[in-house]
Amino acid sequence: MTWISRHSRSVLAVAVAWSALALPAQRAALARAGDGERPELTLKATPLVAFTPAQIRLAVEVKGGQDDYEAFYCADIEWDWGDETRSELRSDCEPYEQGKSEIKRRYMVTHTYRIGGQYRIVFRLKRGDNVVGSATTTVQIRSGLRDLGSPW
């Protein structure tokens, strides 16, 4: 029995040592597997329903993916407001460095609608003429008293 218990302890010690080495290696492999994972964009408008003139606040969140996701780093921004107007913002950043450059995770802006209607808003991240990411939402703008010809 003595040899078995010594042998069991040795096997147990080797198993514990291997698992201590394997866990960090597995974590590193999982982290590498996430490299290049595309972040997701979500666009939220507040309020979703309003009366003219309506000032709508928009927030885009970039969720998931790597902080240095190259396609999203220093991308140009385009807002298509759905009312036949667009806004663009060109970026000027330092050159991309893997592991050092960080993508922006939040974009906020407001837009005013003066005519009632349903509007589809599109947010785009662009590299040159190529769209690398986008998100959409819809707002409903109702005509206010001024639009209805009210004397008030």
Protein backbone atom coordinates (compact mmCIF):
# COMPACT_ATOMS: atom_id res chain seq x y z
CA MET A 1 0.00 0.00 0.00
CA THR A 2 2.86 2.36 0.67
CA TRP A 3 4.04 2.25 -2.94
CA ILE A 4 0.49 2.94 -4.20
CA SER A 5 -0.04 5.92 -1.93
CA ARG A 6 3.40 7.35 -2.86
CA HIS A 7 2.61 6.71 -6.53
CA SER A 8 -0.83 8.31 -6.18
CA ARG A 9 0.71 11.36 -4.54
CA SER A 10 3.25 11.65 -7.34
CA VAL A 11 0.56 11.35 -10.00
CA LEU A 12 -1.54 13.92 -8.17
CA ALA A 13 1.42 16.31 -7.91
CA VAL A 14 2.15 15.97 -11.63
CA ALA A 15 -1.54 16.53 -12.48
CA VAL A 16 -1.71 19.66 -10.30
CA ALA A 17 1.53 21.01 -11.79
CA TRP A 18 0.31 20.34 -15.35
CA SER A 19 -3.05 22.01 -14.74
CA ALA A 20 -1.33 25.06 -13.27
CA LEU A 21 0.69 25.34 -16.49
CA ALA A 22 -2.19 24.43 -18.80
CA LEU A 23 -4.73 26.96 -17.49
CA PRO A 24 -2.67 30.06 -18.41
CA ALA A 25 -1.92 28.51 -21.80
CA GLN A 26 -5.63 27.82 -22.37
CA ARG A 27 -6.51 31.37 -21.33
CA ALA A 28 -3.92 32.74 -23.76
CA ALA A 29 -5.32 30.53 -26.55
CA LEU A 30 -8.83 31.81 -25.84
CA ALA A 31 -7.61 35.39 -25.84
CA ARG A 32 -5.87 34.83 -29.19
CA ALA A 33 -9.06 33.28 -30.58
CA GLY A 34 -10.85 36.57 -29.76
CA ASP A 35 -8.22 38.63 -31.64
CA GLY A 36 -9.84 40.26 -34.62
CA GLU A 37 -13.35 39.54 -33.34
CA ARG A 38 -15.57 42.19 -34.86
CA PRO A 39 -17.10 44.61 -32.33
CA GLU A 40 -20.85 45.21 -32.57
CA LEU A 41 -22.47 48.62 -32.95
CA THR A 42 -25.73 49.57 -31.26
CA LEU A 43 -27.56 52.83 -31.95
CA LYS A 44 -30.09 54.24 -29.49
CA ALA A 45 -32.25 57.32 -30.02
CA THR A 46 -33.94 59.28 -27.23
CA PRO A 47 -36.84 59.90 -27.47
CA LEU A 48 -38.11 57.47 -30.10
CA VAL A 49 -41.34 59.46 -30.53
CA ALA A 50 -41.48 63.27 -30.32
CA PHE A 51 -43.28 66.37 -31.61
CA THR A 52 -41.72 68.93 -33.97
CA PRO A 53 -39.39 70.60 -33.56
CA ALA A 54 -37.82 67.47 -32.07
CA GLN A 55 -34.29 67.32 -30.78
CA ILE A 56 -33.21 63.67 -30.77
CA ARG A 57 -30.16 62.44 -28.81
CA LEU A 58 -28.30 59.55 -30.38
CA ALA A 59 -25.72 57.27 -28.78
CA VAL A 60 -23.69 54.58 -30.49
CA GLU A 61 -21.95 51.98 -28.37
CA VAL A 62 -19.20 49.73 -29.67
CA LYS A 63 -19.48 46.45 -27.76
CA GLY A 64 -17.20 43.42 -27.73
CA GLY A 65 -14.20 42.80 -29.91
CA GLN A 66 -10.68 43.90 -29.25
CA ASP A 67 -9.82 47.41 -28.07
CA ASP A 68 -7.34 47.64 -30.96
CA TYR A 69 -9.66 46.33 -33.71
CA GLU A 70 -7.91 47.84 -36.72
CA ALA A 71 -10.90 48.39 -39.02
CA PHE A 72 -12.64 50.55 -36.39
CA TYR A 73 -9.53 52.51 -35.36
CA CYS A 74 -9.66 56.13 -36.50
CA ALA A 75 -12.60 55.46 -38.82
CA ASP A 76 -14.53 58.32 -40.39
CA ILE A 77 -18.10 58.79 -39.19
CA GLU A 78 -21.21 59.33 -41.27
CA TRP A 79 -24.71 60.02 -39.97
CA ASP A 80 -27.60 59.65 -42.42
CA TRP A 81 -30.53 61.35 -40.69
CA GLY A 82 -33.24 60.01 -43.00
CA ASP A 83 -34.46 63.54 -43.73
CA GLU A 84 -32.29 63.99 -46.83
CA THR A 85 -29.40 65.37 -44.73
CA ARG A 86 -26.11 63.80 -43.69
CA SER A 87 -23.28 64.69 -41.36
CA GLU A 88 -19.70 63.52 -41.70
CA LEU A 89 -16.67 63.66 -39.44
CA ARG A 90 -13.22 62.87 -40.78
CA SER A 91 -10.71 61.54 -38.28
CA ASP A 92 -7.06 62.50 -37.94
CA CYS A 93 -5.19 60.04 -35.71
CA GLU A 94 -1.77 58.63 -35.07
CA PRO A 95 -0.87 55.60 -37.24
CA TYR A 96 -2.35 52.30 -36.07
CA GLU A 97 -0.20 50.19 -33.71
CA GLN A 98 -1.44 46.71 -32.84
CA GLY A 99 -1.85 46.30 -29.09
CA LYS A 100 -1.50 50.06 -28.47
CA SER A 101 -4.10 51.85 -30.59
CA GLU A 102 -7.57 51.91 -29.05
CA ILE A 103 -10.89 52.21 -30.81
CA LYS A 104 -13.49 54.70 -29.66
CA ARG A 105 -16.30 52.92 -27.80
CA ARG A 106 -18.99 55.65 -27.67
CA TYR A 107 -20.31 58.31 -30.05
CA MET A 108 -22.97 60.86 -29.07
CA VAL A 109 -24.75 63.55 -31.07
CA THR A 110 -28.08 65.37 -31.37
CA HIS A 111 -30.18 66.14 -34.43
CA THR A 112 -33.27 68.32 -34.79
CA TYR A 113 -36.24 67.29 -36.94
CA ARG A 114 -38.55 70.12 -38.02
CA ILE A 115 -41.02 68.14 -40.14
CA GLY A 116 -43.15 65.22 -38.95
CA GLY A 117 -42.51 61.76 -40.32
CA GLN A 118 -40.83 58.45 -39.66
CA TYR A 119 -37.06 58.65 -40.07
CA ARG A 120 -34.53 55.84 -40.41
CA ILE A 121 -31.20 56.97 -38.93
CA VAL A 122 -28.01 55.23 -40.05
CA PHE A 123 -24.62 55.50 -38.35
CA ARG A 124 -21.63 54.35 -40.40
CA LEU A 125 -17.95 53.86 -39.61
CA LYS A 126 -15.95 54.22 -42.82
CA ARG A 127 -12.39 53.66 -44.03
CA GLY A 128 -12.21 55.70 -47.21
CA ASP A 129 -15.28 54.76 -49.26
CA ASN A 130 -15.71 51.39 -47.48
CA VAL A 131 -18.25 50.97 -44.69
CA VAL A 132 -16.61 48.89 -41.93
CA GLY A 133 -19.53 49.00 -39.49
CA SER A 134 -23.03 50.40 -39.23
CA ALA A 135 -26.10 50.58 -37.01
CA THR A 136 -29.64 51.83 -37.58
CA THR A 137 -32.67 52.94 -35.64
CA THR A 138 -36.00 54.60 -36.45
CA VAL A 139 -37.69 57.60 -34.85
CA GLN A 140 -41.26 58.83 -35.23
CA ILE A 141 -41.67 62.61 -35.33
CA ARG A 142 -45.20 63.98 -35.09
CA SER A 143 -46.32 67.38 -36.24
CA GLY A 144 -46.51 69.92 -33.43
CA LEU A 145 -49.11 72.69 -32.99
CA ARG A 146 -47.11 75.12 -35.13
CA ASP A 147 -47.19 72.65 -38.04
CA LEU A 148 -50.98 72.30 -37.88
CA GLY A 149 -51.63 76.02 -38.45
CA SER A 150 -52.70 76.68 -34.88
CA PRO A 151 -52.94 80.39 -33.88
CA TRP A 152 -51.09 79.61 -30.60
